[in-house]
Amino acid sequence: MPRRSRRPQRWALLIILSLLGFAAYSAYAGWQQLTTYPERPGLGSAETIAFEVPAGASFPRVLELLQEHQIIAADEATAFKLFVLHRGAAGKITAGKHSFRGDMTPSEILDELMRAQPSLERRVTIPEGKHSMQIAGLLAEAGLGGSQEALLAAMRDPALLERLGIPAISAEGYLFPDTYKFSTEASAEEIITRMVRRHQQVYAEVHRANIDGAKRLADDFGWGDHQIVIMASLIEKETGQAAERPRIASVFLNRLRFATFKPKLLQTDPTIIYGCTVPVQKSEAC
């Protein structure tokens, strides 16, 4: 009986050993990649590159953005993806503005992507009874609108006032006192617009609830919305007690009804103080 050849068995053993060796080398290479890749500097320049990660962006989308801005080379995208997944950081990337350099390591890039973003909103409370200069100061102190001067300029911008339907030379009286949240990137015009729109919303509700009173003011004095706003502002400055305001309103209106009361200027303390401090062109009574 012929002896069975051992050559096929040797070939099978060699193939198995080769596969094991290849697997061991692949594992070693992969381990080397995971341990050395994160600290390998990029080949780009030290120039700063900034872009914004949109809110809700998926990790694949962030990976695309990194390649689009040449922060990660296309041939390194897979390695960076594996590195991020190995760190369990795919869901820890924060939305907002990030700054990178072309020579950053993958580890530095990931740290920047996970960096906590400063709040993009500011909360500010505008109390009742504040005039435009005070309101502009409060907004500027909160880091909103650029500066007090920029905010005052927006309040007096004829084009903006026309768009908002304000028949006056400033938004005085139309900046509704409330607690607001504004983006730190909101312009002075956007801030003033929102405050005026809030005033218009509340005024419309109050007007509907007091339609008969508004009609009497129109019949007796020829007043429209603007004149009502002025009178409401005067009464608010005259007293901080809500219970006293109806009585003060009656005194002012009765005074204006007198035929002998001319030239129909109330000249109350609030009007004198305001005229001497806030407007660009000060009152002659100062």
C-alpha atoms as a PDB file:
ATOM      1  CA  MET A   1       0.000   0.000   0.000  1.00  0.00           C
ATOM      2  CA  PRO A   2       1.531   3.355  -1.058  1.00  0.00           C
ATOM      3  CA  ARG A   3       2.674   5.805   1.647  1.00  0.00           C
ATOM      4  CA  ARG A   4       0.440   8.973   1.927  1.00  0.00           C
ATOM      5  CA  SER A   5       2.323  12.151   1.046  1.00  0.00           C
ATOM      6  CA  ARG A   6       2.871  14.651   3.865  1.00  0.00           C
ATOM      7  CA  ARG A   7       3.295  17.568   1.426  1.00  0.00           C
ATOM      8  CA  PRO A   8      -0.372  18.786   1.530  1.00  0.00           C
ATOM      9  CA  GLN A   9      -0.277  18.749   5.319  1.00  0.00           C
ATOM     10  CA  ARG A  10       2.902  20.819   5.315  1.00  0.00           C
ATOM     11  CA  TRP A  11       1.333  23.327   2.909  1.00  0.00           C
ATOM     12  CA  ALA A  12      -1.769  23.576   5.093  1.00  0.00           C
ATOM     13  CA  LEU A  13       0.397  24.169   8.140  1.00  0.00           C
ATOM     14  CA  LEU A  14       2.381  26.852   6.319  1.00  0.00           C
ATOM     15  CA  ILE A  15      -0.810  28.598   5.211  1.00  0.00           C
ATOM     16  CA  ILE A  16      -2.209  28.549   8.754  1.00  0.00           C
ATOM     17  CA  LEU A  17       1.063  29.871  10.173  1.00  0.00           C
ATOM     18  CA  SER A  18       1.164  32.582   7.510  1.00  0.00           C
ATOM     19  CA  LEU A  19      -2.390  33.638   8.294  1.00  0.00           C
ATOM     20  CA  LEU A  20      -1.626  33.726  12.009  1.00  0.00           C
ATOM     21  CA  GLY A  21       1.488  35.775  11.318  1.00  0.00           C
ATOM     22  CA  PHE A  22      -0.447  38.187   9.126  1.00  0.00           C
ATOM     23  CA  ALA A  23      -3.159  38.517  11.775  1.00  0.00           C
ATOM     24  CA  ALA A  24      -0.530  39.163  14.446  1.00  0.00           C
ATOM     25  CA  TYR A  25       1.162  41.778  12.257  1.00  0.00           C
ATOM     26  CA  SER A  26      -2.178  43.431  11.482  1.00  0.00           C
ATOM     27  CA  ALA A  27      -3.053  43.530  15.163  1.00  0.00           C
ATOM     28  CA  TYR A  28       0.358  44.989  15.976  1.00  0.00           C
ATOM     29  CA  ALA A  29       0.054  47.562  13.187  1.00  0.00           C
ATOM     30  CA  GLY A  30      -3.435  48.478  14.378  1.00  0.00           C
ATOM     31  CA  TRP A  31      -2.203  48.833  17.934  1.00  0.00           C
ATOM     32  CA  GLN A  32       0.677  50.984  16.725  1.00  0.00           C
ATOM     33  CA  GLN A  33      -1.778  53.111  14.759  1.00  0.00           C
ATOM     34  CA  LEU A  34      -4.019  53.657  17.782  1.00  0.00           C
ATOM     35  CA  THR A  35      -1.089  54.510  20.048  1.00  0.00           C
ATOM     36  CA  THR A  36       0.969  56.716  17.719  1.00  0.00           C
ATOM     37  CA  TYR A  37      -1.633  58.240  15.390  1.00  0.00           C
ATOM     38  CA  PRO A  38      -3.380  60.440  18.010  1.00  0.00           C
ATOM     39  CA  GLU A  39      -0.120  62.299  18.745  1.00  0.00           C
ATOM     40  CA  ARG A  40       1.078  62.604  15.156  1.00  0.00           C
ATOM     41  CA  PRO A  41       1.226  66.293  14.110  1.00  0.00           C
ATOM     42  CA  GLY A  42      -0.598  67.335  10.992  1.00  0.00           C
ATOM     43  CA  LEU A  43       1.291  68.391   7.885  1.00  0.00           C
ATOM     44  CA  GLY A  44      -0.533  71.705   7.464  1.00  0.00           C
ATOM     45  CA  SER A  45       0.514  75.211   8.466  1.00  0.00           C
ATOM     46  CA  ALA A  46       0.134  76.837  11.874  1.00  0.00           C
ATOM     47  CA  GLU A  47      -2.428  79.253  10.447  1.00  0.00           C
ATOM     48  CA  THR A  48      -5.730  79.272  12.350  1.00  0.00           C
ATOM     49  CA  ILE A  49      -8.736  77.754  10.606  1.00  0.00           C
ATOM     50  CA  ALA A  50     -12.168  78.391  12.110  1.00  0.00           C
ATOM     51  CA  PHE A  51     -15.562  76.964  11.278  1.00  0.00           C
ATOM     52  CA  GLU A  52     -18.842  76.303  13.024  1.00  0.00           C
ATOM     53  CA  VAL A  53     -20.253  72.888  13.859  1.00  0.00           C
ATOM     54  CA  PRO A  54     -24.022  73.215  13.341  1.00  0.00           C
ATOM     55  CA  ALA A  55     -26.328  72.222  16.164  1.00  0.00           C
ATOM     56  CA  GLY A  56     -27.402  68.606  15.745  1.00  0.00           C
ATOM     57  CA  ALA A  57     -24.650  67.782  13.226  1.00  0.00           C
ATOM     58  CA  SER A  58     -23.863  64.054  13.049  1.00  0.00           C
ATOM     59  CA  PHE A  59     -20.319  62.752  13.453  1.00  0.00           C
ATOM     60  CA  PRO A  60     -20.083  61.815   9.738  1.00  0.00           C
ATOM     61  CA  ARG A  61     -21.043  65.425   8.905  1.00  0.00           C
ATOM     62  CA  VAL A  62     -18.368  66.751  11.278  1.00  0.00           C
ATOM     63  CA  LEU A  63     -15.848  64.455   9.591  1.00  0.00           C
ATOM     64  CA  GLU A  64     -16.849  65.934   6.223  1.00  0.00           C
ATOM     65  CA  LEU A  65     -16.401  69.472   7.559  1.00  0.00           C
ATOM     66  CA  LEU A  66     -12.925  68.629   8.845  1.00  0.00           C
ATOM     67  CA  GLN A  67     -11.958  67.407   5.387  1.00  0.00           C
ATOM     68  CA  GLU A  68     -13.606  70.339   3.591  1.00  0.00           C
ATOM     69  CA  HIS A  69     -11.576  72.778   5.695  1.00  0.00           C
ATOM     70  CA  GLN A  70      -8.412  70.668   5.170  1.00  0.00           C
ATOM     71  CA  ILE A  71      -7.956  70.026   8.858  1.00  0.00           C
ATOM     72  CA  ILE A  72      -7.866  66.281   8.215  1.00  0.00           C
ATOM     73  CA  ALA A  73      -6.597  64.811   4.957  1.00  0.00           C
ATOM     74  CA  ALA A  74      -8.996  62.595   3.026  1.00  0.00           C
ATOM     75  CA  ASP A  75      -6.678  59.590   3.353  1.00  0.00           C
ATOM     76  CA  GLU A  76      -6.674  59.999   7.146  1.00  0.00           C
ATOM     77  CA  ALA A  77     -10.447  60.233   7.556  1.00  0.00           C
ATOM     78  CA  THR A  78     -10.833  56.535   8.353  1.00  0.00           C
ATOM     79  CA  ALA A  79      -7.997  56.597  10.885  1.00  0.00           C
ATOM     80  CA  PHE A  80      -9.479  59.666  12.593  1.00  0.00           C
ATOM     81  CA  LYS A  81     -12.921  58.044  12.632  1.00  0.00           C
ATOM     82  CA  LEU A  82     -11.541  54.886  14.276  1.00  0.00           C
ATOM     83  CA  PHE A  83      -9.625  56.996  16.783  1.00  0.00           C
ATOM     84  CA  VAL A  84     -12.752  58.958  17.763  1.00  0.00           C
ATOM     85  CA  LEU A  85     -14.842  55.788  18.035  1.00  0.00           C
ATOM     86  CA  HIS A  86     -12.122  54.132  20.127  1.00  0.00           C
ATOM     87  CA  ARG A  87     -12.265  57.115  22.502  1.00  0.00           C
ATOM     88  CA  GLY A  88     -16.072  56.889  22.615  1.00  0.00           C
ATOM     89  CA  ALA A  89     -16.209  60.566  21.698  1.00  0.00           C
ATOM     90  CA  ALA A  90     -18.456  60.605  18.620  1.00  0.00           C
ATOM     91  CA  GLY A  91     -21.399  61.837  20.687  1.00  0.00           C
ATOM     92  CA  LYS A  92     -19.399  64.373  22.704  1.00  0.00           C
ATOM     93  CA  ILE A  93     -18.685  66.870  19.939  1.00  0.00           C
ATOM     94  CA  THR A  94     -20.096  70.304  20.771  1.00  0.00           C
ATOM     95  CA  ALA A  95     -21.891  72.619  18.378  1.00  0.00           C
ATOM     96  CA  GLY A  96     -20.538  76.121  17.883  1.00  0.00           C
ATOM     97  CA  LYS A  97     -17.408  77.830  16.619  1.00  0.00           C
ATOM     98  CA  HIS A  98     -14.115  75.939  16.766  1.00  0.00           C
ATOM     99  CA  SER A  99     -10.582  76.982  15.851  1.00  0.00           C
ATOM    100  CA  PHE A 100      -7.937  74.632  14.438  1.00  0.00           C
ATOM    101  CA  ARG A 101      -4.440  74.661  12.948  1.00  0.00           C
ATOM    102  CA  GLY A 102      -3.128  72.480  10.188  1.00  0.00           C
ATOM    103  CA  ASP A 103      -0.317  71.183  12.394  1.00  0.00           C
ATOM    104  CA  MET A 104      -2.565  69.976  15.227  1.00  0.00           C
ATOM    105  CA  THR A 105      -2.470  66.330  16.275  1.00  0.00           C
ATOM    106  CA  PRO A 106      -5.646  64.221  15.994  1.00  0.00           C
ATOM    107  CA  SER A 107      -5.839  64.244  19.790  1.00  0.00           C
ATOM    108  CA  GLU A 108      -5.742  68.060  19.829  1.00  0.00           C
ATOM    109  CA  ILE A 109      -8.362  68.239  17.093  1.00  0.00           C
ATOM    110  CA  LEU A 110     -10.696  65.982  19.058  1.00  0.00           C
ATOM    111  CA  ASP A 111     -10.125  67.975  22.256  1.00  0.00           C
ATOM    112  CA  GLU A 112     -11.101  71.152  20.410  1.00  0.00           C
ATOM    113  CA  LEU A 113     -14.223  69.493  19.007  1.00  0.00           C
ATOM    114  CA  MET A 114     -15.259  68.480  22.526  1.00  0.00           C
ATOM    115  CA  ARG A 115     -14.422  71.861  24.078  1.00  0.00           C
ATOM    116  CA  ALA A 116     -17.353  73.357  25.962  1.00  0.00           C
ATOM    117  CA  GLN A 117     -18.746  76.315  24.078  1.00  0.00           C
ATOM    118  CA  PRO A 118     -19.494  79.593  25.833  1.00  0.00           C
ATOM    119  CA  SER A 119     -23.157  80.496  25.978  1.00  0.00           C
ATOM    120  CA  LEU A 120     -24.250  82.256  22.812  1.00  0.00           C
ATOM    121  CA  GLU A 121     -27.141  83.908  24.635  1.00  0.00           C
ATOM    122  CA  ARG A 122     -27.404  86.567  27.292  1.00  0.00           C
ATOM    123  CA  ARG A 123     -30.354  87.079  29.601  1.00  0.00           C
ATOM    124  CA  VAL A 124     -31.116  90.701  30.434  1.00  0.00           C
ATOM    125  CA  THR A 125     -33.960  92.288  32.384  1.00  0.00           C
ATOM    126  CA  ILE A 126     -35.215  95.739  31.413  1.00  0.00           C
ATOM    127  CA  PRO A 127     -37.158  97.166  34.394  1.00  0.00           C
ATOM    128  CA  GLU A 128     -40.203  99.369  33.979  1.00  0.00           C
ATOM    129  CA  GLY A 129     -39.672 103.108  33.827  1.00  0.00           C
ATOM    130  CA  LYS A 130     -36.212 103.097  32.215  1.00  0.00           C
ATOM    131  CA  HIS A 131     -35.610 105.587  29.404  1.00  0.00           C
ATOM    132  CA  SER A 132     -33.688 104.857  26.224  1.00  0.00           C
ATOM    133  CA  MET A 133     -30.232 105.831  27.516  1.00  0.00           C
ATOM    134  CA  GLN A 134     -30.664 103.606  30.566  1.00  0.00           C
ATOM    135  CA  ILE A 135     -31.949 100.725  28.442  1.00  0.00           C
ATOM    136  CA  ALA A 136     -29.005 101.059  26.053  1.00  0.00           C
ATOM    137  CA  GLY A 137     -26.658 101.036  29.045  1.00  0.00           C
ATOM    138  CA  LEU A 138     -28.191  97.868  30.504  1.00  0.00           C
ATOM    139  CA  LEU A 139     -27.970  96.073  27.165  1.00  0.00           C
ATOM    140  CA  ALA A 140     -24.369  97.151  26.599  1.00  0.00           C
ATOM    141  CA  GLU A 141     -23.374  96.066  30.123  1.00  0.00           C
ATOM    142  CA  ALA A 142     -24.791  92.620  29.299  1.00  0.00           C
ATOM    143  CA  GLY A 143     -22.501  92.447  26.265  1.00  0.00           C
ATOM    144  CA  LEU A 144     -25.311  92.975  23.769  1.00  0.00           C
ATOM    145  CA  GLY A 145     -25.698  95.248  20.763  1.00  0.00           C
ATOM    146  CA  GLY A 146     -22.065  96.272  20.502  1.00  0.00           C
ATOM    147  CA  SER A 147     -22.091  99.443  22.600  1.00  0.00           C
ATOM    148  CA  GLN A 148     -24.430 101.949  24.218  1.00  0.00           C
ATOM    149  CA  GLU A 149     -23.774 104.345  21.341  1.00  0.00           C
ATOM    150  CA  ALA A 150     -24.649 101.707  18.725  1.00  0.00           C
ATOM    151  CA  LEU A 151     -27.886 100.869  20.531  1.00  0.00           C
ATOM    152  CA  LEU A 152     -28.878 104.538  20.851  1.00  0.00           C
ATOM    153  CA  ALA A 153     -28.136 105.023  17.161  1.00  0.00           C
ATOM    154  CA  ALA A 154     -30.451 102.117  16.320  1.00  0.00           C
ATOM    155  CA  MET A 155     -33.181 103.586  18.548  1.00  0.00           C
ATOM    156  CA  ARG A 156     -32.945 106.832  16.547  1.00  0.00           C
ATOM    157  CA  ASP A 157     -32.441 105.351  13.084  1.00  0.00           C
ATOM    158  CA  PRO A 158     -35.142 106.904  10.835  1.00  0.00           C
ATOM    159  CA  ALA A 159     -35.182 103.949   8.439  1.00  0.00           C
ATOM    160  CA  LEU A 160     -35.632 101.434  11.260  1.00  0.00           C
ATOM    161  CA  LEU A 161     -38.301 103.555  12.950  1.00  0.00           C
ATOM    162  CA  GLU A 162     -40.210 103.733   9.681  1.00  0.00           C
ATOM    163  CA  ARG A 163     -40.040  99.962   9.205  1.00  0.00           C
ATOM    164  CA  LEU A 164     -41.319  99.461  12.747  1.00  0.00           C
ATOM    165  CA  GLY A 165     -44.168 101.921  12.255  1.00  0.00           C
ATOM    166  CA  ILE A 166     -43.025 104.367  14.951  1.00  0.00           C
ATOM    167  CA  PRO A 167     -44.148 107.945  14.121  1.00  0.00           C
ATOM    168  CA  ALA A 168     -41.395 109.608  16.162  1.00  0.00           C
ATOM    169  CA  ILE A 169     -37.706 110.487  16.108  1.00  0.00           C
ATOM    170  CA  SER A 170     -36.779 107.657  18.490  1.00  0.00           C
ATOM    171  CA  ALA A 171     -38.083 104.368  19.855  1.00  0.00           C
ATOM    172  CA  GLU A 172     -38.563 105.955  23.280  1.00  0.00           C
ATOM    173  CA  GLY A 173     -41.671 104.484  24.921  1.00  0.00           C
ATOM    174  CA  TYR A 174     -41.739 101.537  22.504  1.00  0.00           C
ATOM    175  CA  LEU A 175     -39.020  99.437  24.166  1.00  0.00           C
ATOM    176  CA  PHE A 176     -41.066  97.011  26.219  1.00  0.00           C
ATOM    177  CA  PRO A 177     -39.718  96.283  29.727  1.00  0.00           C
ATOM    178  CA  ASP A 178     -39.270  92.542  30.090  1.00  0.00           C
ATOM    179  CA  THR A 179     -36.716  89.780  30.569  1.00  0.00           C
ATOM    180  CA  TYR A 180     -35.153  88.851  27.241  1.00  0.00           C
ATOM    181  CA  LYS A 181     -32.696  86.336  25.876  1.00  0.00           C
ATOM    182  CA  PHE A 182     -30.597  87.710  23.045  1.00  0.00           C
ATOM    183  CA  SER A 183     -27.834  86.120  21.017  1.00  0.00           C
ATOM    184  CA  THR A 184     -24.464  87.692  21.719  1.00  0.00           C
ATOM    185  CA  GLU A 185     -24.161  88.125  17.955  1.00  0.00           C
ATOM    186  CA  ALA A 186     -27.481  89.974  17.602  1.00  0.00           C
ATOM    187  CA  SER A 187     -27.059  93.437  16.135  1.00  0.00           C
ATOM    188  CA  ALA A 188     -28.334  96.584  17.832  1.00  0.00           C
ATOM    189  CA  GLU A 189     -31.029  96.789  15.155  1.00  0.00           C
ATOM    190  CA  GLU A 190     -32.191  93.217  15.826  1.00  0.00           C
ATOM    191  CA  ILE A 191     -32.369  93.852  19.581  1.00  0.00           C
ATOM    192  CA  ILE A 192     -34.354  97.082  19.214  1.00  0.00           C
ATOM    193  CA  THR A 193     -36.670  95.446  16.683  1.00  0.00           C
ATOM    194  CA  ARG A 194     -37.492  92.601  19.047  1.00  0.00           C
ATOM    195  CA  MET A 195     -38.200  94.938  21.966  1.00  0.00           C
ATOM    196  CA  VAL A 196     -40.465  97.120  19.832  1.00  0.00           C
ATOM    197  CA  ARG A 197     -42.317  94.083  18.455  1.00  0.00           C
ATOM    198  CA  ARG A 198     -42.883  92.911  22.027  1.00  0.00           C
ATOM    199  CA  HIS A 199     -44.313  96.343  22.885  1.00  0.00           C
ATOM    200  CA  GLN A 200     -46.606  96.210  19.877  1.00  0.00           C
ATOM    201  CA  GLN A 201     -47.828  92.742  20.851  1.00  0.00           C
ATOM    202  CA  VAL A 202     -48.664  93.776  24.429  1.00  0.00           C
ATOM    203  CA  TYR A 203     -50.122  97.125  23.356  1.00  0.00           C
ATOM    204  CA  ALA A 204     -52.471  95.392  20.901  1.00  0.00           C
ATOM    205  CA  GLU A 205     -53.745  93.121  23.694  1.00  0.00           C
ATOM    206  CA  VAL A 206     -54.291  96.054  26.087  1.00  0.00           C
ATOM    207  CA  HIS A 207     -55.934  98.129  23.360  1.00  0.00           C
ATOM    208  CA  ARG A 208     -58.399  95.349  22.551  1.00  0.00           C
ATOM    209  CA  ALA A 209     -59.263  95.012  26.239  1.00  0.00           C
ATOM    210  CA  ASN A 210     -59.823  98.791  26.557  1.00  0.00           C
ATOM    211  CA  ILE A 211     -61.263  99.660  23.174  1.00  0.00           C
ATOM    212  CA  ASP A 212     -63.927 101.993  24.632  1.00  0.00           C
ATOM    213  CA  GLY A 213     -61.359 104.025  26.553  1.00  0.00           C
ATOM    214  CA  ALA A 214     -59.160 104.344  23.471  1.00  0.00           C
ATOM    215  CA  LYS A 215     -62.182 105.551  21.483  1.00  0.00           C
ATOM    216  CA  ARG A 216     -62.956 108.234  24.099  1.00  0.00           C
ATOM    217  CA  LEU A 217     -59.382 109.504  23.943  1.00  0.00           C
ATOM    218  CA  ALA A 218     -59.660 109.654  20.170  1.00  0.00           C
ATOM    219  CA  ASP A 219     -62.988 111.532  20.358  1.00  0.00           C
ATOM    220  CA  ASP A 220     -61.964 113.954  23.139  1.00  0.00           C
ATOM    221  CA  PHE A 221     -58.381 114.703  22.153  1.00  0.00           C
ATOM    222  CA  GLY A 222     -57.875 113.246  18.691  1.00  0.00           C
ATOM    223  CA  TRP A 223     -55.308 110.846  20.067  1.00  0.00           C
ATOM    224  CA  GLY A 224     -53.960 107.823  18.285  1.00  0.00           C
ATOM    225  CA  ASP A 225     -51.703 105.057  19.535  1.00  0.00           C
ATOM    226  CA  HIS A 226     -48.601 107.262  19.696  1.00  0.00           C
ATOM    227  CA  GLN A 227     -50.213 109.875  21.945  1.00  0.00           C
ATOM    228  CA  ILE A 228     -51.552 107.153  24.237  1.00  0.00           C
ATOM    229  CA  VAL A 229     -48.046 105.703  24.558  1.00  0.00           C
ATOM    230  CA  ILE A 230     -46.660 109.137  25.489  1.00  0.00           C
ATOM    231  CA  MET A 231     -49.307 109.696  28.166  1.00  0.00           C
ATOM    232  CA  ALA A 232     -48.803 106.190  29.574  1.00  0.00           C
ATOM    233  CA  SER A 233     -45.054 106.870  29.816  1.00  0.00           C
ATOM    234  CA  LEU A 234     -45.637 110.162  31.658  1.00  0.00           C
ATOM    235  CA  ILE A 235     -47.981 108.547  34.157  1.00  0.00           C
ATOM    236  CA  GLU A 236     -45.550 105.679  34.752  1.00  0.00           C
ATOM    237  CA  LYS A 237     -42.729 108.126  35.509  1.00  0.00           C
ATOM    238  CA  GLU A 238     -44.951 110.264  37.735  1.00  0.00           C
ATOM    239  CA  THR A 239     -45.534 107.403  40.179  1.00  0.00           C
ATOM    240  CA  GLY A 240     -44.242 103.933  40.820  1.00  0.00           C
ATOM    241  CA  GLN A 241     -47.487 102.934  42.553  1.00  0.00           C
ATOM    242  CA  ALA A 242     -49.918 101.220  40.190  1.00  0.00           C
ATOM    243  CA  ALA A 243     -52.881 102.132  42.421  1.00  0.00           C
ATOM    244  CA  GLU A 244     -52.148 105.856  41.993  1.00  0.00           C
ATOM    245  CA  ARG A 245     -51.983 105.840  38.210  1.00  0.00           C
ATOM    246  CA  PRO A 246     -55.746 106.116  37.466  1.00  0.00           C
ATOM    247  CA  ARG A 247     -55.973 109.223  39.678  1.00  0.00           C
ATOM    248  CA  ILE A 248     -52.921 110.833  38.071  1.00  0.00           C
ATOM    249  CA  ALA A 249     -54.271 110.012  34.608  1.00  0.00           C
ATOM    250  CA  SER A 250     -57.542 111.761  35.509  1.00  0.00           C
ATOM    251  CA  VAL A 251     -55.669 114.868  36.721  1.00  0.00           C
ATOM    252  CA  PHE A 252     -53.646 115.089  33.500  1.00  0.00           C
ATOM    253  CA  LEU A 253     -56.660 114.522  31.236  1.00  0.00           C
ATOM    254  CA  ASN A 254     -58.852 117.018  33.112  1.00  0.00           C
ATOM    255  CA  ARG A 255     -56.103 119.624  32.832  1.00  0.00           C
ATOM    256  CA  LEU A 256     -55.904 119.078  29.074  1.00  0.00           C
ATOM    257  CA  ARG A 257     -59.696 119.457  28.755  1.00  0.00           C
ATOM    258  CA  PHE A 258     -59.692 123.034  30.097  1.00  0.00           C
ATOM    259  CA  ALA A 259     -60.107 125.507  27.257  1.00  0.00           C
ATOM    260  CA  THR A 260     -57.921 127.987  29.115  1.00  0.00           C
ATOM    261  CA  PHE A 261     -55.085 125.475  29.535  1.00  0.00           C
ATOM    262  CA  LYS A 262     -52.666 126.588  26.838  1.00  0.00           C
ATOM    263  CA  PRO A 263     -50.348 125.741  25.169  1.00  0.00           C
ATOM    264  CA  LYS A 264     -51.432 122.258  26.333  1.00  0.00           C
ATOM    265  CA  LEU A 265     -48.037 121.438  27.854  1.00  0.00           C
ATOM    266  CA  LEU A 266     -48.235 119.459  31.093  1.00  0.00           C
ATOM    267  CA  GLN A 267     -44.638 120.338  32.050  1.00  0.00           C
ATOM    268  CA  THR A 268     -44.540 117.695  34.758  1.00  0.00           C
ATOM    269  CA  ASP A 269     -41.310 116.845  36.561  1.00  0.00           C
ATOM    270  CA  PRO A 270     -40.744 113.724  34.427  1.00  0.00           C
ATOM    271  CA  THR A 271     -41.080 115.692  31.177  1.00  0.00           C
ATOM    272  CA  ILE A 272     -38.623 118.373  32.331  1.00  0.00           C
ATOM    273  CA  ILE A 273     -36.094 115.832  33.609  1.00  0.00           C
ATOM    274  CA  TYR A 274     -36.384 113.764  30.449  1.00  0.00           C
ATOM    275  CA  GLY A 275     -36.124 116.771  28.140  1.00  0.00           C
ATOM    276  CA  CYS A 276     -32.967 117.952  29.888  1.00  0.00           C
ATOM    277  CA  THR A 277     -31.148 114.608  29.930  1.00  0.00           C
ATOM    278  CA  VAL A 278     -32.111 112.169  27.191  1.00  0.00           C
ATOM    279  CA  PRO A 279     -32.832 113.812  23.801  1.00  0.00           C
ATOM    280  CA  VAL A 280     -29.992 114.874  21.536  1.00  0.00           C
ATOM    281  CA  GLN A 281     -31.623 118.306  21.334  1.00  0.00           C
ATOM    282  CA  LYS A 282     -32.329 119.340  24.917  1.00  0.00           C
ATOM    283  CA  SER A 283     -35.455 121.176  26.071  1.00  0.00           C
ATOM    284  CA  GLU A 284     -35.417 124.999  26.211  1.00  0.00           C
ATOM    285  CA  ALA A 285     -36.585 124.718  29.834  1.00  0.00           C
ATOM    286  CA  CYS A 286     -33.226 123.309  30.928  1.00  0.00           C
END
